[in-house]
Amino acid sequence: MDLATEGWHNAFRIELRVQVFELASRGWPVFPGSYPSAEGWVGHETSAEDLGHGPVPVHRDWRERLTADASDVAGWWADRPYSVLLATGGGVETIEVDADLGRRAAIALRALATPTPIAATPYGRWYFFTEAGRGLNEELAGTAGVRLHSTGSWLPLPPSTFPNGVLHWRVKPQLCDWRLPDPAHVQDALTTGLHQLSGDRGRALTATV
């Protein structure tokens, strides 16, 4: 590794620690995940065939490590630029959708004046963060590409990196004063987005006939 690359990694690791400390101090249960390098995903105890295309927990016993306090959590990023993973289900749940639905739902949430933390991956997936304790409504549950991350699940948080880009906030939690919305409000916005997409497809089909 040359000096420029090493300097970038050190600066990014420091930024990660700052972000992780704030997340943990706000009660978001975060823990370290593997991160990409020229040789592939590194920094994990998982066999290569289980990796898939994104970060995985560094430690197999990640659930037992979630009780650490914020300063201890930040210390996990002292030596490596690990991805930031969020354990969902305890106080935070996440609805994952594709980018087309995500954009429409974000517009609907703005119209409803419902601030909602939203993150987007570099491969076209959007995450909507809500309070925990509510399953998906019937329409969303029956829609391909919509996934609820609840108890036992996890997902990456910004500023985790992928081989093709960086996971980033579309709406930062700070803009919502770290208050998570009622899941019903977010699901209403997502359902509105589904109806709009369905209407657009219907009009496009009619136009080609």
N, C-alpha and C. Protein backbone atom coordinates (compact mmCIF):
# COMPACT_ATOMS: atom_id res chain seq x y z
N MET A 1 0.84 -1.19 0.00
CA MET A 1 0.00 0.00 0.00
C MET A 1 0.88 1.25 0.00
N ASP A 2 0.64 2.20 -0.95
CA ASP A 2 1.45 3.41 -1.00
C ASP A 2 0.99 4.38 0.08
N LEU A 3 1.78 5.46 0.25
CA LEU A 3 1.48 6.40 1.33
C LEU A 3 0.15 7.10 1.14
N ALA A 4 -0.19 7.42 -0.12
CA ALA A 4 -1.46 8.09 -0.37
C ALA A 4 -2.65 7.20 -0.01
N THR A 5 -2.56 5.93 -0.41
CA THR A 5 -3.65 4.99 -0.09
C THR A 5 -3.73 4.77 1.40
N GLU A 6 -2.58 4.63 2.06
CA GLU A 6 -2.58 4.42 3.50
C GLU A 6 -3.18 5.63 4.22
N GLY A 7 -2.85 6.83 3.73
CA GLY A 7 -3.41 8.04 4.34
C GLY A 7 -4.91 8.11 4.18
N TRP A 8 -5.42 7.70 3.00
CA TRP A 8 -6.87 7.69 2.78
C TRP A 8 -7.55 6.71 3.72
N HIS A 9 -6.97 5.51 3.86
CA HIS A 9 -7.55 4.50 4.75
C HIS A 9 -7.60 5.00 6.19
N ASN A 10 -6.52 5.67 6.62
CA ASN A 10 -6.49 6.18 8.00
C ASN A 10 -7.55 7.25 8.21
N ALA A 11 -7.69 8.15 7.23
CA ALA A 11 -8.69 9.22 7.35
C ALA A 11 -10.10 8.63 7.35
N PHE A 12 -10.33 7.64 6.50
CA PHE A 12 -11.65 7.03 6.43
C PHE A 12 -11.96 6.26 7.71
N ARG A 13 -10.96 5.60 8.28
CA ARG A 13 -11.16 4.86 9.52
C ARG A 13 -11.54 5.81 10.66
N ILE A 14 -10.91 6.98 10.69
CA ILE A 14 -11.25 7.98 11.71
C ILE A 14 -12.68 8.47 11.53
N GLU A 15 -13.07 8.72 10.27
CA GLU A 15 -14.46 9.13 10.01
C GLU A 15 -15.43 8.04 10.44
N LEU A 16 -15.09 6.78 10.17
CA LEU A 16 -15.94 5.68 10.59
C LEU A 16 -16.13 5.67 12.10
N ARG A 17 -15.05 5.86 12.84
CA ARG A 17 -15.14 5.84 14.31
C ARG A 17 -16.04 6.95 14.82
N VAL A 18 -15.95 8.12 14.22
CA VAL A 18 -16.81 9.24 14.62
C VAL A 18 -18.28 8.89 14.36
N GLN A 19 -18.56 8.34 13.16
CA GLN A 19 -19.92 7.98 12.82
C GLN A 19 -20.45 6.88 13.73
N VAL A 20 -19.60 5.88 13.99
CA VAL A 20 -20.01 4.75 14.82
C VAL A 20 -20.32 5.21 16.25
N PHE A 21 -19.48 6.08 16.79
CA PHE A 21 -19.70 6.55 18.16
C PHE A 21 -21.04 7.27 18.27
N GLU A 22 -21.36 8.10 17.27
CA GLU A 22 -22.63 8.82 17.33
C GLU A 22 -23.80 7.86 17.22
N LEU A 23 -23.72 6.89 16.30
CA LEU A 23 -24.79 5.92 16.15
C LEU A 23 -25.01 5.14 17.45
N ALA A 24 -23.91 4.65 18.04
CA ALA A 24 -24.01 3.84 19.26
C ALA A 24 -24.53 4.68 20.42
N SER A 25 -24.09 5.93 20.51
CA SER A 25 -24.53 6.78 21.62
C SER A 25 -26.01 7.13 21.50
N ARG A 26 -26.57 7.01 20.29
CA ARG A 26 -28.00 7.27 20.09
C ARG A 26 -28.84 6.01 20.24
N GLY A 27 -28.19 4.91 20.60
CA GLY A 27 -28.92 3.67 20.83
C GLY A 27 -29.08 2.78 19.63
N TRP A 28 -28.39 3.09 18.52
CA TRP A 28 -28.44 2.22 17.35
C TRP A 28 -27.42 1.10 17.55
N PRO A 29 -27.85 -0.17 17.57
CA PRO A 29 -26.93 -1.28 17.84
C PRO A 29 -26.07 -1.62 16.63
N VAL A 30 -24.86 -1.08 16.60
CA VAL A 30 -23.97 -1.27 15.46
C VAL A 30 -22.81 -2.19 15.83
N PHE A 31 -22.27 -2.83 14.82
CA PHE A 31 -21.14 -3.74 15.02
C PHE A 31 -20.36 -3.84 13.71
N PRO A 32 -19.11 -4.32 13.73
CA PRO A 32 -18.27 -4.28 12.54
C PRO A 32 -18.56 -5.38 11.53
N GLY A 33 -18.39 -5.02 10.26
CA GLY A 33 -18.54 -5.98 9.16
C GLY A 33 -17.31 -5.98 8.27
N SER A 34 -17.23 -6.94 7.40
CA SER A 34 -16.11 -7.02 6.46
C SER A 34 -16.11 -5.81 5.54
N TYR A 35 -14.99 -5.56 4.89
CA TYR A 35 -14.87 -4.40 4.01
C TYR A 35 -14.13 -4.81 2.74
N PRO A 36 -14.36 -4.12 1.62
CA PRO A 36 -13.76 -4.53 0.35
C PRO A 36 -12.31 -4.08 0.22
N SER A 37 -11.55 -4.90 -0.47
CA SER A 37 -10.17 -4.57 -0.83
C SER A 37 -9.92 -5.10 -2.23
N ALA A 38 -8.72 -4.89 -2.73
CA ALA A 38 -8.38 -5.39 -4.06
C ALA A 38 -8.46 -6.91 -4.13
N GLU A 39 -8.33 -7.57 -2.97
CA GLU A 39 -8.35 -9.03 -2.93
C GLU A 39 -9.75 -9.57 -2.63
N GLY A 40 -10.74 -8.70 -2.46
CA GLY A 40 -12.08 -9.14 -2.11
C GLY A 40 -12.46 -8.65 -0.72
N TRP A 41 -13.51 -9.23 -0.13
CA TRP A 41 -13.96 -8.84 1.20
C TRP A 41 -13.02 -9.41 2.25
N VAL A 42 -12.57 -8.56 3.16
CA VAL A 42 -11.61 -8.99 4.19
C VAL A 42 -12.12 -8.61 5.58
N GLY A 43 -11.51 -9.25 6.60
CA GLY A 43 -11.83 -8.92 7.98
C GLY A 43 -13.06 -9.62 8.51
N HIS A 44 -13.15 -10.93 8.30
CA HIS A 44 -14.34 -11.66 8.75
C HIS A 44 -13.95 -13.10 9.10
N GLU A 45 -14.87 -13.76 9.79
CA GLU A 45 -14.66 -15.16 10.16
C GLU A 45 -15.55 -16.08 9.33
N THR A 46 -16.08 -15.57 8.23
CA THR A 46 -17.03 -16.31 7.42
C THR A 46 -16.33 -16.90 6.20
N SER A 47 -16.72 -18.10 5.82
CA SER A 47 -16.12 -18.74 4.66
C SER A 47 -16.48 -17.99 3.39
N ALA A 48 -15.61 -18.06 2.41
CA ALA A 48 -15.77 -17.26 1.20
C ALA A 48 -17.08 -17.55 0.49
N GLU A 49 -17.55 -18.80 0.50
CA GLU A 49 -18.77 -19.12 -0.22
C GLU A 49 -20.01 -18.51 0.41
N ASP A 50 -19.90 -18.04 1.67
CA ASP A 50 -21.05 -17.43 2.34
C ASP A 50 -21.10 -15.91 2.20
N LEU A 51 -20.12 -15.34 1.54
CA LEU A 51 -19.99 -13.89 1.54
C LEU A 51 -21.05 -13.16 0.71
N GLY A 52 -21.40 -13.72 -0.44
CA GLY A 52 -22.34 -12.99 -1.29
C GLY A 52 -21.66 -11.76 -1.87
N HIS A 53 -22.39 -10.65 -1.95
CA HIS A 53 -21.87 -9.46 -2.62
C HIS A 53 -21.80 -8.25 -1.70
N GLY A 54 -21.90 -8.44 -0.42
CA GLY A 54 -21.86 -7.33 0.52
C GLY A 54 -21.15 -7.71 1.80
N PRO A 55 -21.04 -6.76 2.74
CA PRO A 55 -20.33 -7.04 3.99
C PRO A 55 -21.09 -8.05 4.84
N VAL A 56 -20.34 -8.78 5.65
CA VAL A 56 -20.91 -9.73 6.61
C VAL A 56 -20.29 -9.44 7.97
N PRO A 57 -20.90 -9.89 9.06
CA PRO A 57 -20.32 -9.64 10.39
C PRO A 57 -18.88 -10.14 10.50
N VAL A 58 -18.05 -9.34 11.15
CA VAL A 58 -16.67 -9.73 11.40
C VAL A 58 -16.63 -10.95 12.33
N HIS A 59 -17.49 -10.95 13.34
CA HIS A 59 -17.49 -12.01 14.35
C HIS A 59 -18.77 -12.83 14.26
N ARG A 60 -18.63 -14.14 14.38
CA ARG A 60 -19.80 -15.01 14.36
C ARG A 60 -20.72 -14.73 15.55
N ASP A 61 -20.13 -14.32 16.68
CA ASP A 61 -20.93 -14.05 17.89
C ASP A 61 -21.33 -12.59 18.00
N TRP A 62 -21.65 -11.96 16.87
CA TRP A 62 -21.93 -10.53 16.87
C TRP A 62 -23.12 -10.16 17.77
N ARG A 63 -24.08 -11.08 17.92
CA ARG A 63 -25.24 -10.78 18.77
C ARG A 63 -24.84 -10.56 20.22
N GLU A 64 -23.86 -11.34 20.68
CA GLU A 64 -23.42 -11.24 22.08
C GLU A 64 -22.61 -9.96 22.32
N ARG A 65 -22.14 -9.33 21.28
CA ARG A 65 -21.30 -8.14 21.40
C ARG A 65 -22.12 -6.84 21.38
N LEU A 66 -23.41 -6.92 21.21
CA LEU A 66 -24.23 -5.73 21.05
C LEU A 66 -24.46 -4.97 22.35
N THR A 67 -24.06 -5.56 23.49
CA THR A 67 -24.27 -4.90 24.78
C THR A 67 -23.15 -3.92 25.13
N ALA A 68 -22.12 -3.83 24.30
CA ALA A 68 -21.01 -2.92 24.59
C ALA A 68 -21.47 -1.47 24.58
N ASP A 69 -20.80 -0.63 25.39
CA ASP A 69 -21.18 0.79 25.39
C ASP A 69 -20.54 1.50 24.21
N ALA A 70 -20.92 2.78 24.03
CA ALA A 70 -20.54 3.50 22.82
C ALA A 70 -19.03 3.61 22.65
N SER A 71 -18.29 3.87 23.73
CA SER A 71 -16.85 4.02 23.60
C SER A 71 -16.18 2.71 23.23
N ASP A 72 -16.68 1.60 23.78
CA ASP A 72 -16.13 0.30 23.40
C ASP A 72 -16.44 -0.02 21.95
N VAL A 73 -17.64 0.31 21.52
CA VAL A 73 -18.03 0.06 20.13
C VAL A 73 -17.12 0.82 19.19
N ALA A 74 -16.87 2.10 19.47
CA ALA A 74 -16.00 2.90 18.61
C ALA A 74 -14.60 2.30 18.55
N GLY A 75 -14.17 1.67 19.63
CA GLY A 75 -12.85 1.06 19.66
C GLY A 75 -12.70 -0.11 18.71
N TRP A 76 -13.81 -0.72 18.31
CA TRP A 76 -13.72 -1.83 17.36
C TRP A 76 -13.18 -1.37 16.01
N TRP A 77 -13.29 -0.07 15.74
CA TRP A 77 -12.80 0.47 14.47
C TRP A 77 -11.42 1.12 14.62
N ALA A 78 -10.68 0.77 15.66
CA ALA A 78 -9.39 1.43 15.92
C ALA A 78 -8.33 1.05 14.90
N ASP A 79 -8.39 -0.15 14.36
CA ASP A 79 -7.30 -0.63 13.50
C ASP A 79 -7.69 -0.85 12.05
N ARG A 80 -8.97 -1.08 11.78
CA ARG A 80 -9.38 -1.40 10.41
C ARG A 80 -10.62 -0.60 10.03
N PRO A 81 -10.77 -0.30 8.71
CA PRO A 81 -11.96 0.43 8.23
C PRO A 81 -13.13 -0.51 7.99
N TYR A 82 -13.57 -1.18 9.07
CA TYR A 82 -14.67 -2.12 8.94
C TYR A 82 -15.93 -1.43 8.42
N SER A 83 -16.77 -2.19 7.73
CA SER A 83 -18.10 -1.71 7.41
C SER A 83 -18.89 -1.54 8.71
N VAL A 84 -19.90 -0.68 8.67
CA VAL A 84 -20.78 -0.48 9.83
C VAL A 84 -22.06 -1.26 9.60
N LEU A 85 -22.34 -2.24 10.46
CA LEU A 85 -23.56 -3.03 10.35
C LEU A 85 -24.51 -2.67 11.49
N LEU A 86 -25.80 -2.66 11.19
CA LEU A 86 -26.84 -2.37 12.18
C LEU A 86 -27.63 -3.64 12.47
N ALA A 87 -27.76 -3.98 13.74
CA ALA A 87 -28.63 -5.09 14.14
C ALA A 87 -30.05 -4.55 14.26
N THR A 88 -30.97 -5.08 13.49
CA THR A 88 -32.34 -4.58 13.48
C THR A 88 -33.23 -5.41 14.40
N GLY A 89 -34.35 -4.81 14.78
CA GLY A 89 -35.36 -5.52 15.55
C GLY A 89 -35.51 -5.07 16.98
N GLY A 90 -34.42 -4.63 17.61
CA GLY A 90 -34.51 -4.21 19.01
C GLY A 90 -35.22 -2.88 19.16
N GLY A 91 -34.66 -1.84 18.54
CA GLY A 91 -35.29 -0.53 18.59
C GLY A 91 -35.45 0.08 17.22
N VAL A 92 -34.80 -0.54 16.22
CA VAL A 92 -34.81 0.00 14.86
C VAL A 92 -35.19 -1.12 13.90
N GLU A 93 -36.12 -0.84 13.02
CA GLU A 93 -36.40 -1.74 11.91
C GLU A 93 -36.16 -0.99 10.61
N THR A 94 -35.96 -1.74 9.53
CA THR A 94 -35.65 -1.13 8.25
C THR A 94 -36.44 -1.82 7.15
N ILE A 95 -37.03 -1.00 6.28
CA ILE A 95 -37.72 -1.53 5.10
C ILE A 95 -36.82 -1.26 3.89
N GLU A 96 -36.45 -2.33 3.21
CA GLU A 96 -35.56 -2.25 2.05
C GLU A 96 -36.37 -2.37 0.77
N VAL A 97 -36.14 -1.44 -0.17
CA VAL A 97 -36.89 -1.42 -1.43
C VAL A 97 -35.94 -1.07 -2.56
N ASP A 98 -36.45 -1.17 -3.80
CA ASP A 98 -35.62 -0.75 -4.93
C ASP A 98 -35.65 0.77 -5.07
N ALA A 99 -34.77 1.29 -5.93
CA ALA A 99 -34.59 2.74 -6.02
C ALA A 99 -35.82 3.45 -6.55
N ASP A 100 -36.53 2.86 -7.53
CA ASP A 100 -37.71 3.52 -8.09
C ASP A 100 -38.77 3.74 -7.01
N LEU A 101 -39.05 2.69 -6.25
CA LEU A 101 -40.04 2.83 -5.17
C LEU A 101 -39.51 3.74 -4.07
N GLY A 102 -38.22 3.65 -3.78
CA GLY A 102 -37.63 4.49 -2.75
C GLY A 102 -37.79 5.97 -3.04
N ARG A 103 -37.53 6.36 -4.27
CA ARG A 103 -37.63 7.78 -4.63
C ARG A 103 -39.07 8.28 -4.48
N ARG A 104 -40.02 7.49 -4.92
CA ARG A 104 -41.42 7.91 -4.84
C ARG A 104 -41.89 7.98 -3.38
N ALA A 105 -41.46 7.00 -2.58
CA ALA A 105 -41.84 7.03 -1.17
C ALA A 105 -41.22 8.22 -0.46
N ALA A 106 -39.98 8.58 -0.81
CA ALA A 106 -39.34 9.73 -0.19
C ALA A 106 -40.10 11.02 -0.50
N ILE A 107 -40.60 11.13 -1.75
CA ILE A 107 -41.39 12.31 -2.12
C ILE A 107 -42.69 12.33 -1.31
N ALA A 108 -43.33 11.16 -1.17
CA ALA A 108 -44.57 11.09 -0.40
C ALA A 108 -44.35 11.45 1.06
N LEU A 109 -43.23 11.02 1.63
CA LEU A 109 -42.92 11.34 3.03
C LEU A 109 -42.69 12.83 3.22
N ARG A 110 -42.05 13.46 2.24
CA ARG A 110 -41.87 14.91 2.32
C ARG A 110 -43.22 15.61 2.28
N ALA A 111 -44.12 15.11 1.44
CA ALA A 111 -45.44 15.73 1.35
C ALA A 111 -46.23 15.56 2.64
N LEU A 112 -45.97 14.45 3.35
CA LEU A 112 -46.65 14.19 4.62
C LEU A 112 -45.95 14.85 5.81
N ALA A 113 -44.81 15.52 5.52
CA ALA A 113 -44.00 16.14 6.58
C ALA A 113 -43.63 15.11 7.64
N THR A 114 -43.19 13.92 7.17
CA THR A 114 -42.78 12.84 8.07
C THR A 114 -41.29 12.60 7.87
N PRO A 115 -40.43 13.25 8.68
CA PRO A 115 -38.98 13.06 8.51
C PRO A 115 -38.61 11.60 8.79
N THR A 116 -37.86 11.01 7.89
CA THR A 116 -37.49 9.60 7.99
C THR A 116 -36.05 9.39 7.56
N PRO A 117 -35.20 8.78 8.39
CA PRO A 117 -33.85 8.47 7.92
C PRO A 117 -33.91 7.49 6.74
N ILE A 118 -33.20 7.84 5.68
CA ILE A 118 -33.18 7.01 4.47
C ILE A 118 -31.74 6.88 3.99
N ALA A 119 -31.32 5.67 3.66
CA ALA A 119 -29.99 5.43 3.10
C ALA A 119 -30.14 4.74 1.76
N ALA A 120 -29.14 4.89 0.88
CA ALA A 120 -29.16 4.27 -0.44
C ALA A 120 -27.83 3.59 -0.71
N THR A 121 -27.90 2.40 -1.28
CA THR A 121 -26.70 1.64 -1.61
C THR A 121 -26.25 2.01 -3.03
N PRO A 122 -24.99 1.70 -3.37
CA PRO A 122 -24.53 1.97 -4.73
C PRO A 122 -25.08 0.98 -5.76
N TYR A 123 -25.85 -0.03 -5.32
CA TYR A 123 -26.40 -1.00 -6.27
C TYR A 123 -27.93 -0.93 -6.33
N GLY A 124 -28.50 0.23 -5.97
CA GLY A 124 -29.90 0.47 -6.25
C GLY A 124 -30.89 -0.01 -5.21
N ARG A 125 -30.48 -0.11 -3.95
CA ARG A 125 -31.41 -0.47 -2.88
C ARG A 125 -31.49 0.70 -1.89
N TRP A 126 -32.70 0.97 -1.42
CA TRP A 126 -32.94 2.05 -0.46
C TRP A 126 -33.42 1.46 0.86
N TYR A 127 -32.98 2.07 1.97
CA TYR A 127 -33.36 1.63 3.31
C TYR A 127 -34.15 2.74 4.01
N PHE A 128 -35.33 2.40 4.54
CA PHE A 128 -36.14 3.33 5.31
C PHE A 128 -36.16 2.84 6.76
N PHE A 129 -35.70 3.69 7.68
CA PHE A 129 -35.55 3.30 9.09
C PHE A 129 -36.75 3.76 9.89
N THR A 130 -37.31 2.85 10.71
CA THR A 130 -38.50 3.17 11.48
C THR A 130 -38.38 2.60 12.89
N GLU A 131 -39.36 2.94 13.72
CA GLU A 131 -39.48 2.27 15.01
C GLU A 131 -39.76 0.79 14.77
N ALA A 132 -39.44 -0.03 15.77
CA ALA A 132 -39.64 -1.47 15.64
C ALA A 132 -41.03 -1.86 16.15
N GLY A 133 -41.45 -3.08 15.75
CA GLY A 133 -42.64 -3.65 16.34
C GLY A 133 -43.84 -3.77 15.43
N ARG A 134 -43.66 -3.62 14.13
CA ARG A 134 -44.81 -3.72 13.23
C ARG A 134 -44.38 -4.46 11.96
N GLY A 135 -45.12 -5.48 11.57
CA GLY A 135 -44.83 -6.18 10.33
C GLY A 135 -45.26 -5.38 9.13
N LEU A 136 -44.88 -5.84 7.94
CA LEU A 136 -45.29 -5.17 6.71
C LEU A 136 -46.79 -5.35 6.47
N ASN A 137 -47.42 -4.33 5.90
CA ASN A 137 -48.82 -4.50 5.54
C ASN A 137 -48.93 -5.50 4.39
N GLU A 138 -50.13 -5.95 4.13
CA GLU A 138 -50.34 -7.06 3.19
C GLU A 138 -49.83 -6.72 1.79
N GLU A 139 -50.05 -5.49 1.37
CA GLU A 139 -49.65 -5.11 0.01
C GLU A 139 -48.14 -5.09 -0.14
N LEU A 140 -47.44 -4.51 0.84
CA LEU A 140 -45.98 -4.48 0.77
C LEU A 140 -45.39 -5.89 0.92
N ALA A 141 -45.97 -6.67 1.82
CA ALA A 141 -45.45 -8.02 2.04
C ALA A 141 -45.56 -8.87 0.79
N GLY A 142 -46.53 -8.57 -0.07
CA GLY A 142 -46.72 -9.34 -1.28
C GLY A 142 -46.01 -8.77 -2.49
N THR A 143 -45.16 -7.76 -2.27
CA THR A 143 -44.46 -7.11 -3.38
C THR A 143 -43.03 -7.61 -3.47
N ALA A 144 -42.65 -8.09 -4.64
CA ALA A 144 -41.28 -8.55 -4.85
C ALA A 144 -40.30 -7.40 -4.66
N GLY A 145 -39.19 -7.67 -4.00
CA GLY A 145 -38.17 -6.65 -3.81
C GLY A 145 -38.31 -5.82 -2.56
N VAL A 146 -39.43 -6.00 -1.83
CA VAL A 146 -39.62 -5.29 -0.55
C VAL A 146 -39.27 -6.26 0.58
N ARG A 147 -38.39 -5.83 1.48
CA ARG A 147 -37.94 -6.70 2.57
C ARG A 147 -37.92 -5.93 3.88
N LEU A 148 -38.44 -6.53 4.92
CA LEU A 148 -38.38 -5.95 6.26
C LEU A 148 -37.21 -6.57 7.02
N HIS A 149 -36.32 -5.71 7.51
CA HIS A 149 -35.22 -6.15 8.38
C HIS A 149 -35.68 -5.96 9.82
N SER A 150 -35.94 -7.05 10.50
CA SER A 150 -36.42 -7.00 11.88
C SER A 150 -35.52 -7.86 12.76
N THR A 151 -36.08 -8.47 13.82
CA THR A 151 -35.29 -9.23 14.78
C THR A 151 -34.48 -10.32 14.08
N GLY A 152 -33.18 -10.35 14.40
CA GLY A 152 -32.29 -11.36 13.85
C GLY A 152 -31.62 -10.96 12.55
N SER A 153 -32.02 -9.82 11.99
CA SER A 153 -31.44 -9.39 10.72
C SER A 153 -30.45 -8.25 10.95
N TRP A 154 -29.73 -7.91 9.92
CA TRP A 154 -28.80 -6.78 9.97
C TRP A 154 -28.62 -6.25 8.55
N LEU A 155 -28.07 -5.04 8.46
CA LEU A 155 -27.78 -4.44 7.17
C LEU A 155 -26.69 -3.39 7.35
N PRO A 156 -25.99 -3.01 6.29
CA PRO A 156 -24.92 -2.01 6.42
C PRO A 156 -25.47 -0.59 6.53
N LEU A 157 -24.69 0.26 7.18
CA LEU A 157 -25.02 1.67 7.31
C LEU A 157 -23.93 2.52 6.68
N PRO A 158 -24.25 3.76 6.27
CA PRO A 158 -23.21 4.69 5.82
C PRO A 158 -22.23 4.97 6.96
N PRO A 159 -20.95 5.21 6.62
CA PRO A 159 -20.41 5.33 5.27
C PRO A 159 -19.70 4.06 4.80
N SER A 160 -20.28 2.89 5.04
CA SER A 160 -19.68 1.64 4.58
C SER A 160 -19.44 1.68 3.07
N THR A 161 -18.38 0.99 2.65
CA THR A 161 -18.01 1.00 1.24
C THR A 161 -18.31 -0.35 0.58
N PHE A 162 -18.55 -0.28 -0.72
CA PHE A 162 -18.74 -1.46 -1.56
C PHE A 162 -17.74 -1.37 -2.71
N PRO A 163 -17.50 -2.47 -3.42
CA PRO A 163 -16.56 -2.38 -4.54
C PRO A 163 -16.94 -1.34 -5.58
N ASN A 164 -18.25 -1.05 -5.70
CA ASN A 164 -18.70 -0.11 -6.73
C ASN A 164 -19.18 1.22 -6.17
N GLY A 165 -18.86 1.53 -4.92
CA GLY A 165 -19.28 2.82 -4.38
C GLY A 165 -19.47 2.80 -2.87
N VAL A 166 -20.05 3.88 -2.37
CA VAL A 166 -20.21 4.08 -0.93
C VAL A 166 -21.70 4.15 -0.59
N LEU A 167 -22.09 3.46 0.47
CA LEU A 167 -23.44 3.58 0.99
C LEU A 167 -23.59 4.98 1.60
N HIS A 168 -24.67 5.68 1.27
CA HIS A 168 -24.78 7.07 1.73
C HIS A 168 -26.19 7.37 2.24
N TRP A 169 -26.29 8.40 3.06
CA TRP A 169 -27.58 8.85 3.57
C TRP A 169 -28.28 9.72 2.53
N ARG A 170 -29.53 9.41 2.25
CA ARG A 170 -30.38 10.32 1.48
C ARG A 170 -31.03 11.33 2.44
N VAL A 171 -31.38 10.84 3.63
CA VAL A 171 -31.85 11.71 4.71
C VAL A 171 -31.14 11.26 5.98
N LYS A 172 -30.31 12.12 6.53
CA LYS A 172 -29.52 11.75 7.70
C LYS A 172 -30.39 11.70 8.96
N PRO A 173 -30.07 10.80 9.89
CA PRO A 173 -30.84 10.75 11.15
C PRO A 173 -30.83 12.07 11.91
N GLN A 174 -29.74 12.85 11.75
CA GLN A 174 -29.65 14.14 12.44
C GLN A 174 -30.76 15.09 11.99
N LEU A 175 -31.16 14.98 10.71
CA LEU A 175 -32.22 15.86 10.20
C LEU A 175 -33.58 15.53 10.80
N CYS A 176 -33.68 14.33 11.37
CA CYS A 176 -34.92 13.91 12.05
C CYS A 176 -34.76 14.01 13.56
N ASP A 177 -33.64 14.63 13.99
CA ASP A 177 -33.32 14.73 15.41
C ASP A 177 -33.26 13.34 16.04
N TRP A 178 -32.84 12.36 15.24
CA TRP A 178 -32.66 10.98 15.69
C TRP A 178 -33.97 10.33 16.15
N ARG A 179 -35.09 10.92 15.77
CA ARG A 179 -36.38 10.31 16.10
C ARG A 179 -36.83 9.44 14.93
N LEU A 180 -37.16 8.20 15.22
CA LEU A 180 -37.61 7.28 14.19
C LEU A 180 -39.12 7.40 14.01
N PRO A 181 -39.61 7.34 12.79
CA PRO A 181 -41.05 7.49 12.55
C PRO A 181 -41.83 6.22 12.87
N ASP A 182 -43.12 6.38 13.05
CA ASP A 182 -44.02 5.24 13.18
C ASP A 182 -43.97 4.45 11.87
N PRO A 183 -43.81 3.12 11.92
CA PRO A 183 -43.75 2.33 10.68
C PRO A 183 -44.96 2.53 9.78
N ALA A 184 -46.14 2.79 10.38
CA ALA A 184 -47.35 2.95 9.56
C ALA A 184 -47.22 4.12 8.60
N HIS A 185 -46.60 5.23 9.04
CA HIS A 185 -46.44 6.39 8.16
C HIS A 185 -45.56 6.05 6.97
N VAL A 186 -44.46 5.35 7.24
CA VAL A 186 -43.54 4.99 6.16
C VAL A 186 -44.19 3.99 5.21
N GLN A 187 -44.91 3.03 5.76
CA GLN A 187 -45.57 2.05 4.91
C GLN A 187 -46.67 2.68 4.06
N ASP A 188 -47.34 3.68 4.59
CA ASP A 188 -48.33 4.41 3.79
C ASP A 188 -47.66 5.08 2.59
N ALA A 189 -46.48 5.69 2.84
CA ALA A 189 -45.76 6.35 1.76
C ALA A 189 -45.27 5.34 0.72
N LEU A 190 -44.79 4.20 1.19
CA LEU A 190 -44.34 3.15 0.26
C LEU A 190 -45.51 2.61 -0.55
N THR A 191 -46.65 2.45 0.08
CA THR A 191 -47.83 1.97 -0.63
C THR A 191 -48.28 2.98 -1.68
N THR A 192 -48.21 4.26 -1.33
CA THR A 192 -48.51 5.32 -2.31
C THR A 192 -47.57 5.22 -3.50
N GLY A 193 -46.29 5.00 -3.22
CA GLY A 193 -45.31 4.84 -4.29
C GLY A 193 -45.62 3.64 -5.17
N LEU A 194 -46.04 2.54 -4.56
CA LEU A 194 -46.41 1.35 -5.34
C LEU A 194 -47.55 1.66 -6.30
N HIS A 195 -48.57 2.37 -5.82
CA HIS A 195 -49.72 2.71 -6.67
C HIS A 195 -49.31 3.62 -7.82
N GLN A 196 -48.40 4.55 -7.54
CA GLN A 196 -47.92 5.43 -8.60
C GLN A 196 -47.16 4.65 -9.66
N LEU A 197 -46.31 3.74 -9.23
CA LEU A 197 -45.55 2.92 -10.18
C LEU A 197 -46.48 2.05 -11.02
N SER A 198 -47.50 1.49 -10.35
CA SER A 198 -48.47 0.67 -11.08
C SER A 198 -49.22 1.49 -12.12
N GLY A 199 -49.59 2.73 -11.75
CA GLY A 199 -50.27 3.61 -12.69
C GLY A 199 -49.39 3.98 -13.86
N ASP A 200 -48.10 4.25 -13.59
CA ASP A 200 -47.16 4.58 -14.66
C ASP A 200 -47.00 3.42 -15.63
N ARG A 201 -46.92 2.20 -15.09
CA ARG A 201 -46.76 1.02 -15.96
C ARG A 201 -48.02 0.81 -16.80
N GLY A 202 -49.19 1.06 -16.17
CA GLY A 202 -50.44 0.91 -16.91
C GLY A 202 -50.54 1.90 -18.06
N ARG A 203 -50.14 3.15 -17.80
CA ARG A 203 -50.18 4.18 -18.84
C ARG A 203 -49.18 3.86 -19.96
N ALA A 204 -47.98 3.34 -19.57
CA ALA A 204 -46.97 3.00 -20.58
C ALA A 204 -47.47 1.85 -21.44
N LEU A 205 -48.14 0.88 -20.84
CA LEU A 205 -48.66 -0.25 -21.60
C LEU A 205 -49.74 0.22 -22.56
N THR A 206 -50.61 1.11 -22.08
CA THR A 206 -51.69 1.62 -22.94
C THR A 206 -51.12 2.40 -24.13
N ALA A 207 -50.03 3.14 -23.89
CA ALA A 207 -49.44 3.96 -24.92
C ALA A 207 -48.80 3.13 -26.03
N THR A 208 -48.41 1.89 -25.69
CA THR A 208 -47.75 1.04 -26.70
C THR A 208 -48.72 0.20 -27.49
N VAL A 209 -49.99 0.19 -27.07
CA VAL A 209 -51.00 -0.65 -27.75
C VAL A 209 -51.46 0.06 -29.02
